[in-house]
Amino acid sequence: MERKDYERLRWRCIRRALLELDVTLTRFLDDGFDKLDEEGQRAFVALADMEDYDLWDLITGKAEIDDPRITSIVALLRKS
């Protein structure tokens, strides 16, 4: 991922309506994003594009999604 795209992603991660999402997403971006393959990085970007409350419901287990790529990233977010 190019640096400018990474910075845009970082901005989207820290400008959330829920502080919990800010913390969760930026922590993972700092500690785990680089370790993902290209497909995993695309899945994380897809998560960052989700509405805040839908994303929070996924992370907290109140909702599920049928996309295995996103499910694997959500599992990593829960561990971080």
PDB file of N, CA and C in Angstrom:
ATOM      1  N   MET A   1       0.844  -1.168   0.000  1.00  0.00           N
ATOM      2  CA  MET A   1       0.000   0.000   0.000  1.00  0.00           C
ATOM      3  C   MET A   1       0.893   1.236   0.000  1.00  0.00           C
ATOM      4  N   GLU A   2       0.539   2.180  -0.842  1.00  0.00           N
ATOM      5  CA  GLU A   2       1.312   3.420  -0.914  1.00  0.00           C
ATOM      6  C   GLU A   2       1.130   4.237   0.362  1.00  0.00           C
ATOM      7  N   ARG A   3       2.122   5.035   0.656  1.00  0.00           N
ATOM      8  CA  ARG A   3       2.123   5.823   1.895  1.00  0.00           C
ATOM      9  C   ARG A   3       0.895   6.733   2.001  1.00  0.00           C
ATOM     10  N   LYS A   4       0.526   7.395   0.911  1.00  0.00           N
ATOM     11  CA  LYS A   4      -0.620   8.314   0.973  1.00  0.00           C
ATOM     12  C   LYS A   4      -1.917   7.546   1.234  1.00  0.00           C
ATOM     13  N   ASP A   5      -2.047   6.341   0.675  1.00  0.00           N
ATOM     14  CA  ASP A   5      -3.231   5.516   0.936  1.00  0.00           C
ATOM     15  C   ASP A   5      -3.257   5.061   2.391  1.00  0.00           C
ATOM     16  N   TYR A   6      -2.082   4.733   2.910  1.00  0.00           N
ATOM     17  CA  TYR A   6      -1.976   4.331   4.312  1.00  0.00           C
ATOM     18  C   TYR A   6      -2.383   5.487   5.229  1.00  0.00           C
ATOM     19  N   GLU A   7      -1.942   6.682   4.914  1.00  0.00           N
ATOM     20  CA  GLU A   7      -2.285   7.853   5.734  1.00  0.00           C
ATOM     21  C   GLU A   7      -3.781   8.147   5.672  1.00  0.00           C
ATOM     22  N   ARG A   8      -4.389   7.976   4.517  1.00  0.00           N
ATOM     23  CA  ARG A   8      -5.845   8.147   4.407  1.00  0.00           C
ATOM     24  C   ARG A   8      -6.567   7.108   5.261  1.00  0.00           C
ATOM     25  N   LEU A   9      -6.078   5.883   5.218  1.00  0.00           N
ATOM     26  CA  LEU A   9      -6.667   4.823   6.025  1.00  0.00           C
ATOM     27  C   LEU A   9      -6.526   5.150   7.508  1.00  0.00           C
ATOM     28  N   ARG A  10      -5.371   5.609   7.906  1.00  0.00           N
ATOM     29  CA  ARG A  10      -5.150   5.998   9.306  1.00  0.00           C
ATOM     30  C   ARG A  10      -6.152   7.084   9.709  1.00  0.00           C
ATOM     31  N   TRP A  11      -6.349   8.058   8.862  1.00  0.00           N
ATOM     32  CA  TRP A  11      -7.296   9.138   9.149  1.00  0.00           C
ATOM     33  C   TRP A  11      -8.705   8.568   9.342  1.00  0.00           C
ATOM     34  N   ARG A  12      -9.097   7.634   8.481  1.00  0.00           N
ATOM     35  CA  ARG A  12     -10.425   7.024   8.605  1.00  0.00           C
ATOM     36  C   ARG A  12     -10.545   6.213   9.891  1.00  0.00           C
ATOM     37  N   CYS A  13      -9.444   5.660  10.350  1.00  0.00           N
ATOM     38  CA  CYS A  13      -9.475   4.861  11.580  1.00  0.00           C
ATOM     39  C   CYS A  13      -9.578   5.729  12.832  1.00  0.00           C
ATOM     40  N   ILE A  14      -9.011   6.917  12.800  1.00  0.00           N
ATOM     41  CA  ILE A  14      -9.032   7.754  14.006  1.00  0.00           C
ATOM     42  C   ILE A  14     -10.182   8.747  14.029  1.00  0.00           C
ATOM     43  N   ARG A  15     -10.913   8.866  12.949  1.00  0.00           N
ATOM     44  CA  ARG A  15     -12.028   9.813  12.885  1.00  0.00           C
ATOM     45  C   ARG A  15     -13.362   9.078  12.946  1.00  0.00           C
ATOM     46  N   ARG A  16     -13.523   8.241  13.941  1.00  0.00           N
ATOM     47  CA  ARG A  16     -14.738   7.458  14.105  1.00  0.00           C
ATOM     48  C   ARG A  16     -15.648   8.126  15.128  1.00  0.00           C
ATOM     49  N   ALA A  17     -16.918   7.771  15.077  1.00  0.00           N
ATOM     50  CA  ALA A  17     -17.881   8.312  16.039  1.00  0.00           C
ATOM     51  C   ALA A  17     -17.730   7.664  17.417  1.00  0.00           C
ATOM     52  N   LEU A  18     -17.173   6.479  17.440  1.00  0.00           N
ATOM     53  CA  LEU A  18     -16.995   5.752  18.700  1.00  0.00           C
ATOM     54  C   LEU A  18     -15.515   5.706  19.070  1.00  0.00           C
ATOM     55  N   LEU A  19     -15.192   6.189  20.240  1.00  0.00           N
ATOM     56  CA  LEU A  19     -13.806   6.173  20.705  1.00  0.00           C
ATOM     57  C   LEU A  19     -13.248   4.755  20.721  1.00  0.00           C
ATOM     58  N   GLU A  20     -14.083   3.786  21.074  1.00  0.00           N
ATOM     59  CA  GLU A  20     -13.646   2.394  21.113  1.00  0.00           C
ATOM     60  C   GLU A  20     -13.145   1.934  19.748  1.00  0.00           C
ATOM     61  N   LEU A  21     -13.808   2.380  18.690  1.00  0.00           N
ATOM     62  CA  LEU A  21     -13.361   2.028  17.337  1.00  0.00           C
ATOM     63  C   LEU A  21     -12.051   2.718  17.004  1.00  0.00           C
ATOM     64  N   ASP A  22     -11.924   3.986  17.385  1.00  0.00           N
ATOM     65  CA  ASP A  22     -10.654   4.697  17.172  1.00  0.00           C
ATOM     66  C   ASP A  22      -9.497   3.889  17.745  1.00  0.00           C
ATOM     67  N   VAL A  23      -9.656   3.496  18.991  1.00  0.00           N
ATOM     68  CA  VAL A  23      -8.595   2.783  19.701  1.00  0.00           C
ATOM     69  C   VAL A  23      -8.332   1.425  19.066  1.00  0.00           C
ATOM     70  N   THR A  24      -9.387   0.669  18.826  1.00  0.00           N
ATOM     71  CA  THR A  24      -9.246  -0.684  18.280  1.00  0.00           C
ATOM     72  C   THR A  24      -8.613  -0.662  16.898  1.00  0.00           C
ATOM     73  N   LEU A  25      -9.112   0.190  16.021  1.00  0.00           N
ATOM     74  CA  LEU A  25      -8.619   0.214  14.642  1.00  0.00           C
ATOM     75  C   LEU A  25      -7.203   0.763  14.547  1.00  0.00           C
ATOM     76  N   THR A  26      -6.905   1.839  15.258  1.00  0.00           N
ATOM     77  CA  THR A  26      -5.552   2.400  15.158  1.00  0.00           C
ATOM     78  C   THR A  26      -4.521   1.486  15.809  1.00  0.00           C
ATOM     79  N   ARG A  27      -4.888   0.816  16.896  1.00  0.00           N
ATOM     80  CA  ARG A  27      -3.957  -0.133  17.519  1.00  0.00           C
ATOM     81  C   ARG A  27      -3.614  -1.245  16.527  1.00  0.00           C
ATOM     82  N   PHE A  28      -4.638  -1.780  15.868  1.00  0.00           N
ATOM     83  CA  PHE A  28      -4.382  -2.839  14.896  1.00  0.00           C
ATOM     84  C   PHE A  28      -3.592  -2.302  13.706  1.00  0.00           C
ATOM     85  N   LEU A  29      -3.921  -1.106  13.259  1.00  0.00           N
ATOM     86  CA  LEU A  29      -3.197  -0.511  12.141  1.00  0.00           C
ATOM     87  C   LEU A  29      -1.713  -0.376  12.479  1.00  0.00           C
ATOM     88  N   ASP A  30      -1.414   0.026  13.702  1.00  0.00           N
ATOM     89  CA  ASP A  30      -0.022   0.189  14.132  1.00  0.00           C
ATOM     90  C   ASP A  30       0.697  -1.142  14.347  1.00  0.00           C
ATOM     91  N   ASP A  31      -0.014  -2.133  14.872  1.00  0.00           N
ATOM     92  CA  ASP A  31       0.644  -3.370  15.295  1.00  0.00           C
ATOM     93  C   ASP A  31       0.454  -4.567  14.377  1.00  0.00           C
ATOM     94  N   GLY A  32      -0.620  -4.600  13.585  1.00  0.00           N
ATOM     95  CA  GLY A  32      -0.905  -5.809  12.828  1.00  0.00           C
ATOM     96  C   GLY A  32      -1.093  -5.652  11.334  1.00  0.00           C
ATOM     97  N   PHE A  33      -1.372  -4.451  10.893  1.00  0.00           N
ATOM     98  CA  PHE A  33      -1.698  -4.239   9.484  1.00  0.00           C
ATOM     99  C   PHE A  33      -0.552  -4.648   8.563  1.00  0.00           C
ATOM    100  N   ASP A  34       0.667  -4.301   8.921  1.00  0.00           N
ATOM    101  CA  ASP A  34       1.836  -4.624   8.087  1.00  0.00           C
ATOM    102  C   ASP A  34       2.033  -6.127   7.917  1.00  0.00           C
ATOM    103  N   LYS A  35       1.543  -6.901   8.863  1.00  0.00           N
ATOM    104  CA  LYS A  35       1.717  -8.354   8.818  1.00  0.00           C
ATOM    105  C   LYS A  35       0.699  -9.046   7.914  1.00  0.00           C
ATOM    106  N   LEU A  36      -0.334  -8.312   7.497  1.00  0.00           N
ATOM    107  CA  LEU A  36      -1.363  -8.885   6.628  1.00  0.00           C
ATOM    108  C   LEU A  36      -0.865  -8.979   5.194  1.00  0.00           C
ATOM    109  N   ASP A  37      -1.346  -9.988   4.476  1.00  0.00           N
ATOM    110  CA  ASP A  37      -1.072 -10.033   3.045  1.00  0.00           C
ATOM    111  C   ASP A  37      -1.988  -9.022   2.351  1.00  0.00           C
ATOM    112  N   GLU A  38      -1.844  -8.900   1.049  1.00  0.00           N
ATOM    113  CA  GLU A  38      -2.601  -7.894   0.303  1.00  0.00           C
ATOM    114  C   GLU A  38      -4.111  -8.090   0.446  1.00  0.00           C
ATOM    115  N   GLU A  39      -4.553  -9.335   0.416  1.00  0.00           N
ATOM    116  CA  GLU A  39      -5.985  -9.621   0.573  1.00  0.00           C
ATOM    117  C   GLU A  39      -6.479  -9.222   1.963  1.00  0.00           C
ATOM    118  N   GLY A  40      -5.675  -9.496   2.969  1.00  0.00           N
ATOM    119  CA  GLY A  40      -6.025  -9.107   4.331  1.00  0.00           C
ATOM    120  C   GLY A  40      -6.091  -7.603   4.492  1.00  0.00           C
ATOM    121  N   GLN A  41      -5.159  -6.896   3.848  1.00  0.00           N
ATOM    122  CA  GLN A  41      -5.185  -5.438   3.904  1.00  0.00           C
ATOM    123  C   GLN A  41      -6.434  -4.888   3.227  1.00  0.00           C
ATOM    124  N   ARG A  42      -6.830  -5.492   2.112  1.00  0.00           N
ATOM    125  CA  ARG A  42      -8.066  -5.056   1.444  1.00  0.00           C
ATOM    126  C   ARG A  42      -9.281  -5.312   2.335  1.00  0.00           C
ATOM    127  N   ALA A  43      -9.282  -6.428   3.045  1.00  0.00           N
ATOM    128  CA  ALA A  43     -10.385  -6.728   3.961  1.00  0.00           C
ATOM    129  C   ALA A  43     -10.441  -5.702   5.093  1.00  0.00           C
ATOM    130  N   PHE A  44      -9.278  -5.299   5.610  1.00  0.00           N
ATOM    131  CA  PHE A  44      -9.253  -4.283   6.659  1.00  0.00           C
ATOM    132  C   PHE A  44      -9.785  -2.956   6.133  1.00  0.00           C
ATOM    133  N   VAL A  45      -9.408  -2.595   4.920  1.00  0.00           N
ATOM    134  CA  VAL A  45      -9.921  -1.365   4.309  1.00  0.00           C
ATOM    135  C   VAL A  45     -11.438  -1.444   4.175  1.00  0.00           C
ATOM    136  N   ALA A  46     -11.951  -2.607   3.785  1.00  0.00           N
ATOM    137  CA  ALA A  46     -13.402  -2.789   3.680  1.00  0.00           C
ATOM    138  C   ALA A  46     -14.066  -2.592   5.045  1.00  0.00           C
ATOM    139  N   LEU A  47     -13.430  -3.083   6.089  1.00  0.00           N
ATOM    140  CA  LEU A  47     -13.961  -2.863   7.439  1.00  0.00           C
ATOM    141  C   LEU A  47     -13.969  -1.381   7.789  1.00  0.00           C
ATOM    142  N   ALA A  48     -12.896  -0.688   7.447  1.00  0.00           N
ATOM    143  CA  ALA A  48     -12.805   0.740   7.749  1.00  0.00           C
ATOM    144  C   ALA A  48     -13.875   1.538   7.013  1.00  0.00           C
ATOM    145  N   ASP A  49     -14.385   0.997   5.918  1.00  0.00           N
ATOM    146  CA  ASP A  49     -15.437   1.670   5.156  1.00  0.00           C
ATOM    147  C   ASP A  49     -16.833   1.443   5.734  1.00  0.00           C
ATOM    148  N   MET A  50     -16.952   0.535   6.687  1.00  0.00           N
ATOM    149  CA  MET A  50     -18.261   0.223   7.264  1.00  0.00           C
ATOM    150  C   MET A  50     -18.739   1.343   8.182  1.00  0.00           C
ATOM    151  N   GLU A  51     -20.052   1.382   8.376  1.00  0.00           N
ATOM    152  CA  GLU A  51     -20.637   2.312   9.346  1.00  0.00           C
ATOM    153  C   GLU A  51     -20.177   1.925  10.751  1.00  0.00           C
ATOM    154  N   ASP A  52     -19.990   2.914  11.596  1.00  0.00           N
ATOM    155  CA  ASP A  52     -19.420   2.691  12.922  1.00  0.00           C
ATOM    156  C   ASP A  52     -20.163   1.643  13.744  1.00  0.00           C
ATOM    157  N   TYR A  53     -21.462   1.786  13.846  1.00  0.00           N
ATOM    158  CA  TYR A  53     -22.201   0.872  14.724  1.00  0.00           C
ATOM    159  C   TYR A  53     -22.273  -0.535  14.151  1.00  0.00           C
ATOM    160  N   ASP A  54     -22.315  -0.663  12.831  1.00  0.00           N
ATOM    161  CA  ASP A  54     -22.270  -1.993  12.209  1.00  0.00           C
ATOM    162  C   ASP A  54     -20.924  -2.661  12.486  1.00  0.00           C
ATOM    163  N   LEU A  55     -19.861  -1.891  12.346  1.00  0.00           N
ATOM    164  CA  LEU A  55     -18.522  -2.418  12.608  1.00  0.00           C
ATOM    165  C   LEU A  55     -18.361  -2.794  14.081  1.00  0.00           C
ATOM    166  N   TRP A  56     -18.830  -1.946  14.968  1.00  0.00           N
ATOM    167  CA  TRP A  56     -18.714  -2.234  16.390  1.00  0.00           C
ATOM    168  C   TRP A  56     -19.490  -3.500  16.754  1.00  0.00           C
ATOM    169  N   ASP A  57     -20.658  -3.681  16.144  1.00  0.00           N
ATOM    170  CA  ASP A  57     -21.432  -4.903  16.387  1.00  0.00           C
ATOM    171  C   ASP A  57     -20.667  -6.147  15.932  1.00  0.00           C
ATOM    172  N   LEU A  58     -19.934  -6.045  14.824  1.00  0.00           N
ATOM    173  CA  LEU A  58     -19.111  -7.177  14.373  1.00  0.00           C
ATOM    174  C   LEU A  58     -18.000  -7.477  15.372  1.00  0.00           C
ATOM    175  N   ILE A  59     -17.312  -6.443  15.791  1.00  0.00           N
ATOM    176  CA  ILE A  59     -16.173  -6.620  16.693  1.00  0.00           C
ATOM    177  C   ILE A  59     -16.615  -7.179  18.042  1.00  0.00           C
ATOM    178  N   THR A  60     -17.760  -6.728  18.519  1.00  0.00           N
ATOM    179  CA  THR A  60     -18.231  -7.180  19.834  1.00  0.00           C
ATOM    180  C   THR A  60     -19.015  -8.484  19.769  1.00  0.00           C
ATOM    181  N   GLY A  61     -19.235  -9.006  18.569  1.00  0.00           N
ATOM    182  CA  GLY A  61     -19.925 -10.279  18.428  1.00  0.00           C
ATOM    183  C   GLY A  61     -21.436 -10.182  18.405  1.00  0.00           C
ATOM    184  N   LYS A  62     -21.971  -8.977  18.333  1.00  0.00           N
ATOM    185  CA  LYS A  62     -23.427  -8.803  18.271  1.00  0.00           C
ATOM    186  C   LYS A  62     -23.968  -9.057  16.872  1.00  0.00           C
ATOM    187  N   ALA A  63     -23.083  -9.056  15.890  1.00  0.00           N
ATOM    188  CA  ALA A  63     -23.473  -9.305  14.497  1.00  0.00           C
ATOM    189  C   ALA A  63     -22.410 -10.186  13.856  1.00  0.00           C
ATOM    190  N   GLU A  64     -22.781 -10.811  12.763  1.00  0.00           N
ATOM    191  CA  GLU A  64     -21.848 -11.642  12.003  1.00  0.00           C
ATOM    192  C   GLU A  64     -21.921 -11.244  10.540  1.00  0.00           C
ATOM    193  N   ILE A  65     -20.902 -11.632   9.797  1.00  0.00           N
ATOM    194  CA  ILE A  65     -20.853 -11.353   8.368  1.00  0.00           C
ATOM    195  C   ILE A  65     -20.416 -12.634   7.665  1.00  0.00           C
ATOM    196  N   ASP A  66     -20.897 -12.836   6.470  1.00  0.00           N
ATOM    197  CA  ASP A  66     -20.628 -14.087   5.754  1.00  0.00           C
ATOM    198  C   ASP A  66     -19.317 -14.083   4.971  1.00  0.00           C
ATOM    199  N   ASP A  67     -18.619 -12.981   4.941  1.00  0.00           N
ATOM    200  CA  ASP A  67     -17.370 -12.877   4.190  1.00  0.00           C
ATOM    201  C   ASP A  67     -16.216 -13.414   5.044  1.00  0.00           C
ATOM    202  N   PRO A  68     -15.614 -14.550   4.657  1.00  0.00           N
ATOM    203  CA  PRO A  68     -14.546 -15.132   5.486  1.00  0.00           C
ATOM    204  C   PRO A  68     -13.313 -14.235   5.616  1.00  0.00           C
ATOM    205  N   ARG A  69     -13.023 -13.419   4.614  1.00  0.00           N
ATOM    206  CA  ARG A  69     -11.872 -12.506   4.712  1.00  0.00           C
ATOM    207  C   ARG A  69     -12.095 -11.506   5.840  1.00  0.00           C
ATOM    208  N   ILE A  70     -13.294 -10.942   5.867  1.00  0.00           N
ATOM    209  CA  ILE A  70     -13.600  -9.949   6.894  1.00  0.00           C
ATOM    210  C   ILE A  70     -13.708 -10.617   8.261  1.00  0.00           C
ATOM    211  N   THR A  71     -14.280 -11.806   8.300  1.00  0.00           N
ATOM    212  CA  THR A  71     -14.387 -12.543   9.560  1.00  0.00           C
ATOM    213  C   THR A  71     -13.009 -12.780  10.168  1.00  0.00           C
ATOM    214  N   SER A  72     -12.021 -13.091   9.337  1.00  0.00           N
ATOM    215  CA  SER A  72     -10.672 -13.332   9.870  1.00  0.00           C
ATOM    216  C   SER A  72     -10.049 -12.047  10.416  1.00  0.00           C
ATOM    217  N   ILE A  73     -10.307 -10.915   9.779  1.00  0.00           N
ATOM    218  CA  ILE A  73      -9.786  -9.638  10.284  1.00  0.00           C
ATOM    219  C   ILE A  73     -10.483  -9.273  11.589  1.00  0.00           C
ATOM    220  N   VAL A  74     -11.787  -9.503  11.658  1.00  0.00           N
ATOM    221  CA  VAL A  74     -12.525  -9.230  12.896  1.00  0.00           C
ATOM    222  C   VAL A  74     -11.947 -10.066  14.040  1.00  0.00           C
ATOM    223  N   ALA A  75     -11.618 -11.312  13.766  1.00  0.00           N
ATOM    224  CA  ALA A  75     -11.010 -12.166  14.796  1.00  0.00           C
ATOM    225  C   ALA A  75      -9.682 -11.578  15.270  1.00  0.00           C
ATOM    226  N   LEU A  76      -8.888 -11.055  14.356  1.00  0.00           N
ATOM    227  CA  LEU A  76      -7.621 -10.424  14.735  1.00  0.00           C
ATOM    228  C   LEU A  76      -7.862  -9.160  15.549  1.00  0.00           C
ATOM    229  N   LEU A  77      -8.866  -8.381  15.176  1.00  0.00           N
ATOM    230  CA  LEU A  77      -9.188  -7.166  15.928  1.00  0.00           C
ATOM    231  C   LEU A  77      -9.611  -7.508  17.357  1.00  0.00           C
ATOM    232  N   ARG A  78     -10.342  -8.579  17.509  1.00  0.00           N
ATOM    233  CA  ARG A  78     -10.783  -8.987  18.850  1.00  0.00           C
ATOM    234  C   ARG A  78      -9.599  -9.373  19.725  1.00  0.00           C
ATOM    235  N   LYS A  79      -8.556  -9.923  19.126  1.00  0.00           N
ATOM    236  CA  LYS A  79      -7.367 -10.332  19.884  1.00  0.00           C
ATOM    237  C   LYS A  79      -6.476  -9.149  20.245  1.00  0.00           C
ATOM    238  N   SER A  80      -6.542  -8.089  19.447  1.00  0.00           N
ATOM    239  CA  SER A  80      -5.606  -6.967  19.664  1.00  0.00           C
ATOM    240  C   SER A  80      -6.053  -6.027  20.757  1.00  0.00           C
TER     241      SER A  80
END
